[in-house]
C-alpha atoms as a PDB file:
ATOM      1  CA  MET A   1      86.772 116.006  70.928  1.00  0.00           C
ATOM      2  CA  ARG A   2      87.527 116.182  67.239  1.00  0.00           C
ATOM      3  CA  LYS A   3      90.573 114.349  65.953  1.00  0.00           C
ATOM      4  CA  ILE A   4      93.359 116.203  64.113  1.00  0.00           C
ATOM      5  CA  LEU A   5      94.147 114.528  60.789  1.00  0.00           C
ATOM      6  CA  SER A   6      96.960 116.834  59.659  1.00  0.00           C
ATOM      7  CA  CYS A   7      98.914 119.684  61.169  1.00  0.00           C
ATOM      8  CA  GLU A   8     101.693 121.685  59.528  1.00  0.00           C
ATOM      9  CA  PHE A   9     103.280 125.121  59.572  1.00  0.00           C
ATOM     10  CA  ASN A  10     102.757 127.122  56.380  1.00  0.00           C
ATOM     11  CA  LEU A  11     105.760 129.414  55.954  1.00  0.00           C
ATOM     12  CA  ASP A  12     103.979 131.553  53.342  1.00  0.00           C
ATOM     13  CA  THR A  13     101.126 132.528  55.676  1.00  0.00           C
ATOM     14  CA  ALA A  14     102.968 132.186  59.032  1.00  0.00           C
ATOM     15  CA  CYS A  15     100.106 129.990  60.222  1.00  0.00           C
ATOM     16  CA  VAL A  16      99.805 126.489  61.605  1.00  0.00           C
ATOM     17  CA  GLU A  17      97.105 124.822  59.537  1.00  0.00           C
ATOM     18  CA  LEU A  18      94.986 121.936  60.799  1.00  0.00           C
ATOM     19  CA  ARG A  19      92.525 119.586  59.196  1.00  0.00           C
ATOM     20  CA  LEU A  20      90.080 117.841  61.532  1.00  0.00           C
ATOM     21  CA  ASP A  21      88.249 114.557  61.042  1.00  0.00           C
ATOM     22  CA  ASP A  22      84.907 116.304  60.409  1.00  0.00           C
ATOM     23  CA  GLY A  23      86.384 118.245  57.468  1.00  0.00           C
ATOM     24  CA  THR A  24      86.962 121.477  59.380  1.00  0.00           C
ATOM     25  CA  MET A  25      90.074 123.453  58.446  1.00  0.00           C
ATOM     26  CA  LEU A  26      91.658 125.698  61.096  1.00  0.00           C
ATOM     27  CA  SER A  27      94.476 128.179  60.755  1.00  0.00           C
ATOM     28  CA  ILE A  28      96.342 129.587  63.774  1.00  0.00           C
ATOM     29  CA  ASN A  29      98.050 132.899  63.052  1.00  0.00           C
ATOM     30  CA  CYS A  30     101.391 132.428  64.842  1.00  0.00           C
ATOM     31  CA  THR A  31     102.356 136.104  64.636  1.00  0.00           C
ATOM     32  CA  ALA A  32      99.131 137.149  66.371  1.00  0.00           C
ATOM     33  CA  VAL A  33      99.629 134.519  69.084  1.00  0.00           C
ATOM     34  CA  GLU A  34     103.199 135.686  69.721  1.00  0.00           C
ATOM     35  CA  ASN A  35     102.090 139.322  69.896  1.00  0.00           C
ATOM     36  CA  GLU A  36      99.433 138.386  72.444  1.00  0.00           C
ATOM     37  CA  VAL A  37     101.295 136.032  74.797  1.00  0.00           C
ATOM     38  CA  ALA A  38     105.068 136.499  74.372  1.00  0.00           C
ATOM     39  CA  ASN A  39     106.707 139.313  76.327  1.00  0.00           C
ATOM     40  CA  SER A  40     110.349 138.757  75.412  1.00  0.00           C
ATOM     41  CA  MET A  41     112.545 137.408  72.654  1.00  0.00           C
ATOM     42  CA  TYR A  42     113.132 134.289  74.759  1.00  0.00           C
ATOM     43  CA  GLN A  43     109.416 133.545  74.919  1.00  0.00           C
ATOM     44  CA  ARG A  44     109.066 134.157  71.173  1.00  0.00           C
ATOM     45  CA  SER A  45     111.993 131.807  70.597  1.00  0.00           C
ATOM     46  CA  ALA A  46     110.323 129.078  72.682  1.00  0.00           C
ATOM     47  CA  LEU A  47     107.137 129.408  70.632  1.00  0.00           C
ATOM     48  CA  ASP A  48     109.110 129.444  67.376  1.00  0.00           C
ATOM     49  CA  TRP A  49     110.874 126.234  68.352  1.00  0.00           C
ATOM     50  CA  LEU A  50     107.515 124.526  68.867  1.00  0.00           C
ATOM     51  CA  ILE A  51     106.112 125.905  65.604  1.00  0.00           C
ATOM     52  CA  TYR A  52     108.997 124.584  63.491  1.00  0.00           C
ATOM     53  CA  ASN A  53     109.779 121.351  65.348  1.00  0.00           C
ATOM     54  CA  ASP A  54     106.452 120.177  66.787  1.00  0.00           C
ATOM     55  CA  PRO A  55     103.466 122.034  65.287  1.00  0.00           C
ATOM     56  CA  LEU A  56     101.044 119.524  66.824  1.00  0.00           C
ATOM     57  CA  ALA A  57     102.297 120.303  70.348  1.00  0.00           C
ATOM     58  CA  TYR A  58     102.065 124.029  69.528  1.00  0.00           C
ATOM     59  CA  THR A  59      98.479 123.564  68.366  1.00  0.00           C
ATOM     60  CA  GLU A  60      97.505 121.641  71.483  1.00  0.00           C
ATOM     61  CA  LEU A  61      99.150 124.273  73.679  1.00  0.00           C
ATOM     62  CA  ILE A  62      97.273 127.128  72.005  1.00  0.00           C
ATOM     63  CA  LEU A  63      93.892 125.392  71.761  1.00  0.00           C
ATOM     64  CA  ASN A  64      93.838 123.417  75.019  1.00  0.00           C
ATOM     65  CA  GLY A  65      96.660 124.659  77.200  1.00  0.00           C
ATOM     66  CA  ASP A  66      97.858 127.748  78.982  1.00  0.00           C
ATOM     67  CA  PRO A  67     100.556 129.358  76.795  1.00  0.00           C
ATOM     68  CA  GLU A  68     101.387 132.031  79.398  1.00  0.00           C
ATOM     69  CA  LEU A  69     102.154 129.381  82.033  1.00  0.00           C
ATOM     70  CA  TYR A  70     104.166 127.310  79.541  1.00  0.00           C
ATOM     71  CA  LEU A  71     106.273 130.327  78.569  1.00  0.00           C
ATOM     72  CA  LYS A  72     106.826 131.268  82.194  1.00  0.00           C
ATOM     73  CA  VAL A  73     108.139 127.772  82.944  1.00  0.00           C
ATOM     74  CA  VAL A  74     110.372 127.295  79.879  1.00  0.00           C
ATOM     75  CA  THR A  75     111.972 130.740  80.057  1.00  0.00           C
ATOM     76  CA  GLU A  76     112.548 130.794  83.800  1.00  0.00           C
ATOM     77  CA  LYS A  77     116.038 131.970  84.719  1.00  0.00           C
ATOM     78  CA  GLU A  78     118.071 130.189  87.352  1.00  0.00           C
ATOM     79  CA  GLN A  79     120.172 132.242  89.742  1.00  0.00           C
ATOM     80  CA  LEU A  80     123.888 131.533  89.718  1.00  0.00           C
ATOM     81  CA  ASP A  81     125.517 131.309  93.125  1.00  0.00           C
END
């Protein structure tokens, strides 16, 4: 597994940009990810929160995780009795 040296959201490109220890540069297009996995404004909001507040967690979710499952869990509605 390659180590991430830097990770930040670039507002101009709407991408999370990574630099890995082997010199590789990656760019995750956040708009494309949202269009692919988010089905509601609540799911888009959950992804946006990660992008702005914890871009490393967002990166790990997209590259290694299951974003659909994450969004299902964090946007689950509870029934009021």
